[in-house]
Amino acid sequence: MQLMQREIPFPSAPFQKFIERIVKHDFDVFRRALKAINAQAPDETINHAVLCVTGQMGAYTFHPPGFLRLCSSDLKYTEEECRNIARSIVHFVVSGLQAVGDKS
């Protein structure tokens, strides 16, 4: 994680290749999965949803646990809590994508 945090603002050539080969592929797979939730959602909305999910995941991945405990003193990284966090993220994004169709 420390390496990723150093590379993100000033990516080296090897890191850029990593992004192109691995991360971009995973984003494309994720984008298709989200599009399957609501095929009518505009591509821009799908892209925003991908960034929304990865941003939420990044909050738990890149922030030190001590920082997160300052924000929520009852947060514990048990397996059950991690599953609950994942469910919350999924519910948030799926509900949002379904609501896009409701506005049409």
PDB file of N, CA and C in Angstrom:
ATOM      1  N   MET A   1       0.820  -1.191   0.000  1.00  0.00           N
ATOM      2  CA  MET A   1       0.000   0.000   0.000  1.00  0.00           C
ATOM      3  C   MET A   1       0.867   1.259   0.000  1.00  0.00           C
ATOM      4  N   GLN A   2       1.979   1.221   0.719  1.00  0.00           N
ATOM      5  CA  GLN A   2       2.859   2.393   0.742  1.00  0.00           C
ATOM      6  C   GLN A   2       3.417   2.672  -0.650  1.00  0.00           C
ATOM      7  N   LEU A   3       3.778   1.614  -1.365  1.00  0.00           N
ATOM      8  CA  LEU A   3       4.281   1.788  -2.727  1.00  0.00           C
ATOM      9  C   LEU A   3       3.202   2.405  -3.614  1.00  0.00           C
ATOM     10  N   MET A   4       1.982   1.906  -3.513  1.00  0.00           N
ATOM     11  CA  MET A   4       0.881   2.459  -4.316  1.00  0.00           C
ATOM     12  C   MET A   4       0.662   3.924  -3.977  1.00  0.00           C
ATOM     13  N   GLN A   5       0.719   4.267  -2.686  1.00  0.00           N
ATOM     14  CA  GLN A   5       0.497   5.654  -2.288  1.00  0.00           C
ATOM     15  C   GLN A   5       1.573   6.573  -2.846  1.00  0.00           C
ATOM     16  N   ARG A   6       2.793   6.067  -2.973  1.00  0.00           N
ATOM     17  CA  ARG A   6       3.868   6.889  -3.544  1.00  0.00           C
ATOM     18  C   ARG A   6       3.742   6.992  -5.058  1.00  0.00           C
ATOM     19  N   GLU A   7       3.283   5.934  -5.689  1.00  0.00           N
ATOM     20  CA  GLU A   7       3.212   5.901  -7.153  1.00  0.00           C
ATOM     21  C   GLU A   7       2.018   6.660  -7.719  1.00  0.00           C
ATOM     22  N   ILE A   8       0.918   6.683  -7.024  1.00  0.00           N
ATOM     23  CA  ILE A   8      -0.301   7.277  -7.579  1.00  0.00           C
ATOM     24  C   ILE A   8      -0.111   8.737  -7.995  1.00  0.00           C
ATOM     25  N   PRO A   9       0.469   9.602  -7.160  1.00  0.00           N
ATOM     26  CA  PRO A   9       0.593  10.998  -7.600  1.00  0.00           C
ATOM     27  C   PRO A   9       1.625  11.208  -8.712  1.00  0.00           C
ATOM     28  N   PHE A  10       2.669  10.384  -8.735  1.00  0.00           N
ATOM     29  CA  PHE A  10       3.737  10.516  -9.734  1.00  0.00           C
ATOM     30  C   PHE A  10       4.090   9.133 -10.267  1.00  0.00           C
ATOM     31  N   PRO A  11       3.239   8.579 -11.132  1.00  0.00           N
ATOM     32  CA  PRO A  11       3.432   7.200 -11.571  1.00  0.00           C
ATOM     33  C   PRO A  11       4.688   7.000 -12.428  1.00  0.00           C
ATOM     34  N   SER A  12       5.445   5.976 -12.096  1.00  0.00           N
ATOM     35  CA  SER A  12       6.614   5.595 -12.888  1.00  0.00           C
ATOM     36  C   SER A  12       6.134   4.795 -14.103  1.00  0.00           C
ATOM     37  N   ALA A  13       7.021   4.570 -15.053  1.00  0.00           N
ATOM     38  CA  ALA A  13       6.663   3.799 -16.255  1.00  0.00           C
ATOM     39  C   ALA A  13       6.205   2.380 -15.897  1.00  0.00           C
ATOM     40  N   PRO A  14       6.896   1.650 -14.999  1.00  0.00           N
ATOM     41  CA  PRO A  14       6.409   0.307 -14.633  1.00  0.00           C
ATOM     42  C   PRO A  14       5.023   0.343 -13.980  1.00  0.00           C
ATOM     43  N   PHE A  15       4.771   1.363 -13.168  1.00  0.00           N
ATOM     44  CA  PHE A  15       3.465   1.471 -12.523  1.00  0.00           C
ATOM     45  C   PHE A  15       2.383   1.741 -13.564  1.00  0.00           C
ATOM     46  N   GLN A  16       2.682   2.579 -14.551  1.00  0.00           N
ATOM     47  CA  GLN A  16       1.719   2.849 -15.620  1.00  0.00           C
ATOM     48  C   GLN A  16       1.393   1.571 -16.388  1.00  0.00           C
ATOM     49  N   LYS A  17       2.405   0.733 -16.632  1.00  0.00           N
ATOM     50  CA  LYS A  17       2.159  -0.555 -17.309  1.00  0.00           C
ATOM     51  C   LYS A  17       1.280  -1.452 -16.449  1.00  0.00           C
ATOM     52  N   PHE A  18       1.541  -1.457 -15.147  1.00  0.00           N
ATOM     53  CA  PHE A  18       0.724  -2.243 -14.221  1.00  0.00           C
ATOM     54  C   PHE A  18      -0.740  -1.793 -14.303  1.00  0.00           C
ATOM     55  N   ILE A  19      -0.955  -0.489 -14.283  1.00  0.00           N
ATOM     56  CA  ILE A  19      -2.313   0.052 -14.365  1.00  0.00           C
ATOM     57  C   ILE A  19      -2.972  -0.384 -15.675  1.00  0.00           C
ATOM     58  N   GLU A  20      -2.251  -0.245 -16.776  1.00  0.00           N
ATOM     59  CA  GLU A  20      -2.814  -0.588 -18.086  1.00  0.00           C
ATOM     60  C   GLU A  20      -3.121  -2.077 -18.205  1.00  0.00           C
ATOM     61  N   ARG A  21      -2.265  -2.931 -17.688  1.00  0.00           N
ATOM     62  CA  ARG A  21      -2.434  -4.386 -17.852  1.00  0.00           C
ATOM     63  C   ARG A  21      -3.391  -5.001 -16.848  1.00  0.00           C
ATOM     64  N   ILE A  22      -3.328  -4.568 -15.614  1.00  0.00           N
ATOM     65  CA  ILE A  22      -4.092  -5.227 -14.556  1.00  0.00           C
ATOM     66  C   ILE A  22      -5.305  -4.400 -14.131  1.00  0.00           C
ATOM     67  N   VAL A  23      -5.071  -3.204 -13.668  1.00  0.00           N
ATOM     68  CA  VAL A  23      -6.140  -2.404 -13.082  1.00  0.00           C
ATOM     69  C   VAL A  23      -7.182  -2.021 -14.121  1.00  0.00           C
ATOM     70  N   LYS A  24      -6.752  -1.589 -15.287  1.00  0.00           N
ATOM     71  CA  LYS A  24      -7.706  -1.193 -16.327  1.00  0.00           C
ATOM     72  C   LYS A  24      -8.602  -2.374 -16.702  1.00  0.00           C
ATOM     73  N   HIS A  25      -8.025  -3.561 -16.803  1.00  0.00           N
ATOM     74  CA  HIS A  25      -8.811  -4.760 -17.104  1.00  0.00           C
ATOM     75  C   HIS A  25      -9.860  -5.002 -16.015  1.00  0.00           C
ATOM     76  N   ASP A  26      -9.446  -4.901 -14.756  1.00  0.00           N
ATOM     77  CA  ASP A  26     -10.378  -5.108 -13.652  1.00  0.00           C
ATOM     78  C   ASP A  26     -11.482  -4.054 -13.656  1.00  0.00           C
ATOM     79  N   PHE A  27     -11.127  -2.804 -13.964  1.00  0.00           N
ATOM     80  CA  PHE A  27     -12.132  -1.754 -14.056  1.00  0.00           C
ATOM     81  C   PHE A  27     -13.134  -2.067 -15.165  1.00  0.00           C
ATOM     82  N   ASP A  28     -12.655  -2.554 -16.302  1.00  0.00           N
ATOM     83  CA  ASP A  28     -13.550  -2.883 -17.414  1.00  0.00           C
ATOM     84  C   ASP A  28     -14.517  -4.001 -17.025  1.00  0.00           C
ATOM     85  N   VAL A  29     -14.008  -5.024 -16.330  1.00  0.00           N
ATOM     86  CA  VAL A  29     -14.865  -6.121 -15.865  1.00  0.00           C
ATOM     87  C   VAL A  29     -15.903  -5.574 -14.889  1.00  0.00           C
ATOM     88  N   PHE A  30     -15.463  -4.738 -13.979  1.00  0.00           N
ATOM     89  CA  PHE A  30     -16.357  -4.144 -12.989  1.00  0.00           C
ATOM     90  C   PHE A  30     -17.396  -3.257 -13.662  1.00  0.00           C
ATOM     91  N   ARG A  31     -16.966  -2.494 -14.646  1.00  0.00           N
ATOM     92  CA  ARG A  31     -17.875  -1.615 -15.395  1.00  0.00           C
ATOM     93  C   ARG A  31     -18.981  -2.443 -16.055  1.00  0.00           C
ATOM     94  N   ARG A  32     -18.615  -3.568 -16.669  1.00  0.00           N
ATOM     95  CA  ARG A  32     -19.614  -4.438 -17.316  1.00  0.00           C
ATOM     96  C   ARG A  32     -20.581  -5.029 -16.286  1.00  0.00           C
ATOM     97  N   ALA A  33     -20.055  -5.397 -15.110  1.00  0.00           N
ATOM     98  CA  ALA A  33     -20.916  -5.958 -14.064  1.00  0.00           C
ATOM     99  C   ALA A  33     -21.933  -4.918 -13.595  1.00  0.00           C
ATOM    100  N   LEU A  34     -21.484  -3.688 -13.423  1.00  0.00           N
ATOM    101  CA  LEU A  34     -22.410  -2.634 -12.998  1.00  0.00           C
ATOM    102  C   LEU A  34     -23.419  -2.308 -14.095  1.00  0.00           C
ATOM    103  N   LYS A  35     -22.990  -2.357 -15.332  1.00  0.00           N
ATOM    104  CA  LYS A  35     -23.904  -2.089 -16.450  1.00  0.00           C
ATOM    105  C   LYS A  35     -25.003  -3.155 -16.494  1.00  0.00           C
ATOM    106  N   ALA A  36     -24.682  -4.366 -16.064  1.00  0.00           N
ATOM    107  CA  ALA A  36     -25.680  -5.441 -16.038  1.00  0.00           C
ATOM    108  C   ALA A  36     -26.782  -5.159 -15.009  1.00  0.00           C
ATOM    109  N   ILE A  37     -26.481  -4.364 -13.998  1.00  0.00           N
ATOM    110  CA  ILE A  37     -27.491  -4.004 -13.000  1.00  0.00           C
ATOM    111  C   ILE A  37     -28.548  -3.099 -13.609  1.00  0.00           C
ATOM    112  N   ASN A  38     -28.096  -2.182 -14.473  1.00  0.00           N
ATOM    113  CA  ASN A  38     -29.032  -1.264 -15.125  1.00  0.00           C
ATOM    114  C   ASN A  38     -28.482  -0.945 -16.511  1.00  0.00           C
ATOM    115  N   ALA A  39     -28.947  -1.689 -17.481  1.00  0.00           N
ATOM    116  CA  ALA A  39     -28.444  -1.531 -18.852  1.00  0.00           C
ATOM    117  C   ALA A  39     -28.761  -0.158 -19.432  1.00  0.00           C
ATOM    118  N   GLN A  40     -29.776   0.530 -18.898  1.00  0.00           N
ATOM    119  CA  GLN A  40     -30.134   1.852 -19.406  1.00  0.00           C
ATOM    120  C   GLN A  40     -29.279   2.978 -18.804  1.00  0.00           C
ATOM    121  N   ALA A  41     -28.509   2.664 -17.784  1.00  0.00           N
ATOM    122  CA  ALA A  41     -27.690   3.707 -17.153  1.00  0.00           C
ATOM    123  C   ALA A  41     -26.650   4.207 -18.148  1.00  0.00           C
ATOM    124  N   PRO A  42     -26.503   5.518 -18.248  1.00  0.00           N
ATOM    125  CA  PRO A  42     -25.496   6.062 -19.166  1.00  0.00           C
ATOM    126  C   PRO A  42     -24.085   5.619 -18.757  1.00  0.00           C
ATOM    127  N   ASP A  43     -23.202   5.508 -19.740  1.00  0.00           N
ATOM    128  CA  ASP A  43     -21.823   5.099 -19.459  1.00  0.00           C
ATOM    129  C   ASP A  43     -21.160   6.003 -18.428  1.00  0.00           C
ATOM    130  N   GLU A  44     -21.462   7.295 -18.483  1.00  0.00           N
ATOM    131  CA  GLU A  44     -20.888   8.234 -17.519  1.00  0.00           C
ATOM    132  C   GLU A  44     -21.310   7.872 -16.090  1.00  0.00           C
ATOM    133  N   THR A  45     -22.562   7.479 -15.928  1.00  0.00           N
ATOM    134  CA  THR A  45     -23.058   7.072 -14.609  1.00  0.00           C
ATOM    135  C   THR A  45     -22.357   5.810 -14.142  1.00  0.00           C
ATOM    136  N   ILE A  46     -22.162   4.869 -15.049  1.00  0.00           N
ATOM    137  CA  ILE A  46     -21.454   3.628 -14.712  1.00  0.00           C
ATOM    138  C   ILE A  46     -20.022   3.950 -14.292  1.00  0.00           C
ATOM    139  N   ASN A  47     -19.358   4.822 -15.041  1.00  0.00           N
ATOM    140  CA  ASN A  47     -17.990   5.204 -14.681  1.00  0.00           C
ATOM    141  C   ASN A  47     -17.947   5.859 -13.303  1.00  0.00           C
ATOM    142  N   HIS A  48     -18.913   6.697 -13.008  1.00  0.00           N
ATOM    143  CA  HIS A  48     -18.973   7.335 -11.688  1.00  0.00           C
ATOM    144  C   HIS A  48     -19.188   6.287 -10.599  1.00  0.00           C
ATOM    145  N   ALA A  49     -20.025   5.294 -10.887  1.00  0.00           N
ATOM    146  CA  ALA A  49     -20.284   4.233  -9.906  1.00  0.00           C
ATOM    147  C   ALA A  49     -19.011   3.430  -9.629  1.00  0.00           C
ATOM    148  N   VAL A  50     -18.250   3.140 -10.677  1.00  0.00           N
ATOM    149  CA  VAL A  50     -16.981   2.421 -10.493  1.00  0.00           C
ATOM    150  C   VAL A  50     -16.056   3.228  -9.589  1.00  0.00           C
ATOM    151  N   LEU A  51     -15.936   4.516  -9.864  1.00  0.00           N
ATOM    152  CA  LEU A  51     -15.066   5.363  -9.040  1.00  0.00           C
ATOM    153  C   LEU A  51     -15.602   5.494  -7.617  1.00  0.00           C
ATOM    154  N   CYS A  52     -16.921   5.525  -7.480  1.00  0.00           N
ATOM    155  CA  CYS A  52     -17.530   5.610  -6.161  1.00  0.00           C
ATOM    156  C   CYS A  52     -17.170   4.379  -5.325  1.00  0.00           C
ATOM    157  N   VAL A  53     -17.313   3.214  -5.912  1.00  0.00           N
ATOM    158  CA  VAL A  53     -16.998   1.975  -5.187  1.00  0.00           C
ATOM    159  C   VAL A  53     -15.514   1.903  -4.864  1.00  0.00           C
ATOM    160  N   THR A  54     -14.670   2.182  -5.847  1.00  0.00           N
ATOM    161  CA  THR A  54     -13.235   2.092  -5.588  1.00  0.00           C
ATOM    162  C   THR A  54     -12.803   3.145  -4.576  1.00  0.00           C
ATOM    163  N   GLY A  55     -13.461   4.295  -4.574  1.00  0.00           N
ATOM    164  CA  GLY A  55     -13.158   5.308  -3.563  1.00  0.00           C
ATOM    165  C   GLY A  55     -13.524   4.839  -2.165  1.00  0.00           C
ATOM    166  N   GLN A  56     -14.682   4.209  -2.052  1.00  0.00           N
ATOM    167  CA  GLN A  56     -15.087   3.676  -0.751  1.00  0.00           C
ATOM    168  C   GLN A  56     -14.139   2.573  -0.296  1.00  0.00           C
ATOM    169  N   MET A  57     -13.763   1.705  -1.221  1.00  0.00           N
ATOM    170  CA  MET A  57     -12.812   0.646  -0.876  1.00  0.00           C
ATOM    171  C   MET A  57     -11.471   1.254  -0.468  1.00  0.00           C
ATOM    172  N   GLY A  58     -11.061   2.286  -1.186  1.00  0.00           N
ATOM    173  CA  GLY A  58      -9.797   2.943  -0.874  1.00  0.00           C
ATOM    174  C   GLY A  58      -9.797   3.584   0.500  1.00  0.00           C
ATOM    175  N   ALA A  59     -10.951   4.071   0.928  1.00  0.00           N
ATOM    176  CA  ALA A  59     -11.036   4.680   2.257  1.00  0.00           C
ATOM    177  C   ALA A  59     -10.668   3.659   3.328  1.00  0.00           C
ATOM    178  N   TYR A  60     -11.077   2.427   3.136  1.00  0.00           N
ATOM    179  CA  TYR A  60     -10.762   1.382   4.115  1.00  0.00           C
ATOM    180  C   TYR A  60      -9.373   0.791   3.892  1.00  0.00           C
ATOM    181  N   THR A  61      -8.872   0.874   2.671  1.00  0.00           N
ATOM    182  CA  THR A  61      -7.581   0.271   2.349  1.00  0.00           C
ATOM    183  C   THR A  61      -6.421   1.205   2.642  1.00  0.00           C
ATOM    184  N   PHE A  62      -6.537   2.458   2.236  1.00  0.00           N
ATOM    185  CA  PHE A  62      -5.403   3.377   2.312  1.00  0.00           C
ATOM    186  C   PHE A  62      -5.323   4.172   3.601  1.00  0.00           C
ATOM    187  N   HIS A  63      -6.450   4.376   4.282  1.00  0.00           N
ATOM    188  CA  HIS A  63      -6.394   5.104   5.543  1.00  0.00           C
ATOM    189  C   HIS A  63      -5.910   4.165   6.639  1.00  0.00           C
ATOM    190  N   PRO A  64      -5.017   4.621   7.466  1.00  0.00           N
ATOM    191  CA  PRO A  64      -4.565   3.768   8.576  1.00  0.00           C
ATOM    192  C   PRO A  64      -5.735   3.455   9.503  1.00  0.00           C
ATOM    193  N   PRO A  65      -5.764   2.236  10.057  1.00  0.00           N
ATOM    194  CA  PRO A  65      -6.872   1.876  10.964  1.00  0.00           C
ATOM    195  C   PRO A  65      -7.045   2.874  12.101  1.00  0.00           C
ATOM    196  N   GLY A  66      -5.957   3.441  12.604  1.00  0.00           N
ATOM    197  CA  GLY A  66      -6.065   4.418  13.686  1.00  0.00           C
ATOM    198  C   GLY A  66      -6.873   5.633  13.269  1.00  0.00           C
ATOM    199  N   PHE A  67      -6.694   6.083  12.028  1.00  0.00           N
ATOM    200  CA  PHE A  67      -7.448   7.231  11.517  1.00  0.00           C
ATOM    201  C   PHE A  67      -8.935   6.897  11.448  1.00  0.00           C
ATOM    202  N   LEU A  68      -9.243   5.715  10.935  1.00  0.00           N
ATOM    203  CA  LEU A  68     -10.648   5.329  10.812  1.00  0.00           C
ATOM    204  C   LEU A  68     -11.297   5.186  12.179  1.00  0.00           C
ATOM    205  N   ARG A  69     -10.542   4.715  13.162  1.00  0.00           N
ATOM    206  CA  ARG A  69     -11.107   4.583  14.511  1.00  0.00           C
ATOM    207  C   ARG A  69     -11.401   5.958  15.112  1.00  0.00           C
ATOM    208  N   LEU A  70     -10.639   6.986  14.727  1.00  0.00           N
ATOM    209  CA  LEU A  70     -10.948   8.342  15.187  1.00  0.00           C
ATOM    210  C   LEU A  70     -12.300   8.784  14.648  1.00  0.00           C
ATOM    211  N   CYS A  71     -12.592   8.396  13.407  1.00  0.00           N
ATOM    212  CA  CYS A  71     -13.865   8.766  12.777  1.00  0.00           C
ATOM    213  C   CYS A  71     -15.024   7.943  13.328  1.00  0.00           C
ATOM    214  N   SER A  72     -14.759   6.691  13.646  1.00  0.00           N
ATOM    215  CA  SER A  72     -15.791   5.789  14.147  1.00  0.00           C
ATOM    216  C   SER A  72     -15.147   4.860  15.171  1.00  0.00           C
ATOM    217  N   SER A  73     -15.279   5.210  16.434  1.00  0.00           N
ATOM    218  CA  SER A  73     -14.572   4.481  17.485  1.00  0.00           C
ATOM    219  C   SER A  73     -15.010   3.029  17.620  1.00  0.00           C
ATOM    220  N   ASP A  74     -16.188   2.677  17.115  1.00  0.00           N
ATOM    221  CA  ASP A  74     -16.648   1.300  17.236  1.00  0.00           C
ATOM    222  C   ASP A  74     -16.263   0.424  16.033  1.00  0.00           C
ATOM    223  N   LEU A  75     -15.512   0.973  15.088  1.00  0.00           N
ATOM    224  CA  LEU A  75     -15.116   0.220  13.904  1.00  0.00           C
ATOM    225  C   LEU A  75     -14.062  -0.822  14.271  1.00  0.00           C
ATOM    226  N   LYS A  76     -14.349  -2.061  13.925  1.00  0.00           N
ATOM    227  CA  LYS A  76     -13.409  -3.156  14.154  1.00  0.00           C
ATOM    228  C   LYS A  76     -13.275  -3.922  12.848  1.00  0.00           C
ATOM    229  N   TYR A  77     -12.083  -4.360  12.564  1.00  0.00           N
ATOM    230  CA  TYR A  77     -11.847  -5.069  11.309  1.00  0.00           C
ATOM    231  C   TYR A  77     -11.997  -6.571  11.478  1.00  0.00           C
ATOM    232  N   THR A  78     -13.104  -6.985  12.047  1.00  0.00           N
ATOM    233  CA  THR A  78     -13.383  -8.414  12.133  1.00  0.00           C
ATOM    234  C   THR A  78     -13.888  -8.875  10.765  1.00  0.00           C
ATOM    235  N   GLU A  79     -13.906 -10.171  10.553  1.00  0.00           N
ATOM    236  CA  GLU A  79     -14.423 -10.687   9.280  1.00  0.00           C
ATOM    237  C   GLU A  79     -15.879 -10.278   9.088  1.00  0.00           C
ATOM    238  N   GLU A  80     -16.652 -10.340  10.155  1.00  0.00           N
ATOM    239  CA  GLU A  80     -18.062  -9.956  10.060  1.00  0.00           C
ATOM    240  C   GLU A  80     -18.208  -8.474   9.713  1.00  0.00           C
ATOM    241  N   GLU A  81     -17.406  -7.609  10.342  1.00  0.00           N
ATOM    242  CA  GLU A  81     -17.485  -6.173  10.047  1.00  0.00           C
ATOM    243  C   GLU A  81     -17.090  -5.893   8.599  1.00  0.00           C
ATOM    244  N   CYS A  82     -16.057  -6.575   8.105  1.00  0.00           N
ATOM    245  CA  CYS A  82     -15.644  -6.387   6.705  1.00  0.00           C
ATOM    246  C   CYS A  82     -16.752  -6.813   5.752  1.00  0.00           C
ATOM    247  N   ARG A  83     -17.442  -7.891   6.066  1.00  0.00           N
ATOM    248  CA  ARG A  83     -18.576  -8.321   5.233  1.00  0.00           C
ATOM    249  C   ARG A  83     -19.700  -7.284   5.273  1.00  0.00           C
ATOM    250  N   ASN A  84     -19.959  -6.729   6.452  1.00  0.00           N
ATOM    251  CA  ASN A  84     -20.997  -5.699   6.578  1.00  0.00           C
ATOM    252  C   ASN A  84     -20.631  -4.453   5.780  1.00  0.00           C
ATOM    253  N   ILE A  85     -19.367  -4.064   5.818  1.00  0.00           N
ATOM    254  CA  ILE A  85     -18.912  -2.913   5.033  1.00  0.00           C
ATOM    255  C   ILE A  85     -19.119  -3.190   3.549  1.00  0.00           C
ATOM    256  N   ALA A  86     -18.719  -4.379   3.092  1.00  0.00           N
ATOM    257  CA  ALA A  86     -18.885  -4.744   1.678  1.00  0.00           C
ATOM    258  C   ALA A  86     -20.361  -4.726   1.289  1.00  0.00           C
ATOM    259  N   ARG A  87     -21.228  -5.260   2.140  1.00  0.00           N
ATOM    260  CA  ARG A  87     -22.674  -5.244   1.853  1.00  0.00           C
ATOM    261  C   ARG A  87     -23.195  -3.809   1.739  1.00  0.00           C
ATOM    262  N   SER A  88     -22.720  -2.949   2.623  1.00  0.00           N
ATOM    263  CA  SER A  88     -23.159  -1.552   2.581  1.00  0.00           C
ATOM    264  C   SER A  88     -22.748  -0.876   1.280  1.00  0.00           C
ATOM    265  N   ILE A  89     -21.525  -1.131   0.852  1.00  0.00           N
ATOM    266  CA  ILE A  89     -21.044  -0.543  -0.401  1.00  0.00           C
ATOM    267  C   ILE A  89     -21.865  -1.063  -1.575  1.00  0.00           C
ATOM    268  N   VAL A  90     -22.097  -2.369  -1.606  1.00  0.00           N
ATOM    269  CA  VAL A  90     -22.892  -2.966  -2.691  1.00  0.00           C
ATOM    270  C   VAL A  90     -24.303  -2.379  -2.684  1.00  0.00           C
ATOM    271  N   HIS A  91     -24.933  -2.312  -1.521  1.00  0.00           N
ATOM    272  CA  HIS A  91     -26.291  -1.774  -1.423  1.00  0.00           C
ATOM    273  C   HIS A  91     -26.345  -0.327  -1.912  1.00  0.00           C
ATOM    274  N   PHE A  92     -25.372   0.463  -1.505  1.00  0.00           N
ATOM    275  CA  PHE A  92     -25.299   1.869  -1.892  1.00  0.00           C
ATOM    276  C   PHE A  92     -25.245   2.016  -3.411  1.00  0.00           C
ATOM    277  N   VAL A  93     -24.363   1.265  -4.044  1.00  0.00           N
ATOM    278  CA  VAL A  93     -24.169   1.412  -5.492  1.00  0.00           C
ATOM    279  C   VAL A  93     -25.330   0.801  -6.278  1.00  0.00           C
ATOM    280  N   VAL A  94     -25.778  -0.371  -5.892  1.00  0.00           N
ATOM    281  CA  VAL A  94     -26.894  -1.005  -6.607  1.00  0.00           C
ATOM    282  C   VAL A  94     -28.139  -0.136  -6.497  1.00  0.00           C
ATOM    283  N   SER A  95     -28.417   0.386  -5.319  1.00  0.00           N
ATOM    284  CA  SER A  95     -29.586   1.262  -5.149  1.00  0.00           C
ATOM    285  C   SER A  95     -29.466   2.498  -6.033  1.00  0.00           C
ATOM    286  N   GLY A  96     -28.283   3.062  -6.089  1.00  0.00           N
ATOM    287  CA  GLY A  96     -28.063   4.233  -6.936  1.00  0.00           C
ATOM    288  C   GLY A  96     -28.270   3.938  -8.401  1.00  0.00           C
ATOM    289  N   LEU A  97     -27.739   2.813  -8.863  1.00  0.00           N
ATOM    290  CA  LEU A  97     -27.898   2.458 -10.281  1.00  0.00           C
ATOM    291  C   LEU A  97     -29.351   2.148 -10.610  1.00  0.00           C
ATOM    292  N   GLN A  98     -30.058   1.513  -9.699  1.00  0.00           N
ATOM    293  CA  GLN A  98     -31.474   1.244  -9.941  1.00  0.00           C
ATOM    294  C   GLN A  98     -32.280   2.534  -9.958  1.00  0.00           C
ATOM    295  N   ALA A  99     -31.898   3.502  -9.146  1.00  0.00           N
ATOM    296  CA  ALA A  99     -32.604   4.780  -9.089  1.00  0.00           C
ATOM    297  C   ALA A  99     -32.432   5.572 -10.383  1.00  0.00           C
ATOM    298  N   VAL A 100     -31.328   5.372 -11.080  1.00  0.00           N
ATOM    299  CA  VAL A 100     -31.121   6.054 -12.362  1.00  0.00           C
ATOM    300  C   VAL A 100     -32.249   5.697 -13.317  1.00  0.00           C
ATOM    301  N   GLY A 101     -32.652   4.435 -13.320  1.00  0.00           N
ATOM    302  CA  GLY A 101     -33.758   4.011 -14.184  1.00  0.00           C
ATOM    303  C   GLY A 101     -35.088   4.570 -13.733  1.00  0.00           C
ATOM    304  N   ASP A 102     -35.230   4.805 -12.423  1.00  0.00           N
ATOM    305  CA  ASP A 102     -36.478   5.342 -11.891  1.00  0.00           C
ATOM    306  C   ASP A 102     -36.720   6.777 -12.318  1.00  0.00           C
ATOM    307  N   LYS A 103     -35.644   7.510 -12.631  1.00  0.00           N
ATOM    308  CA  LYS A 103     -35.763   8.931 -13.001  1.00  0.00           C
ATOM    309  C   LYS A 103     -36.173   9.106 -14.469  1.00  0.00           C
ATOM    310  N   SER A 104     -35.993   8.058 -15.272  1.00  0.00           N
ATOM    311  CA  SER A 104     -36.255   8.185 -16.714  1.00  0.00           C
ATOM    312  C   SER A 104     -37.721   8.325 -17.014  1.00  0.00           C
TER     313      SER A 104
END
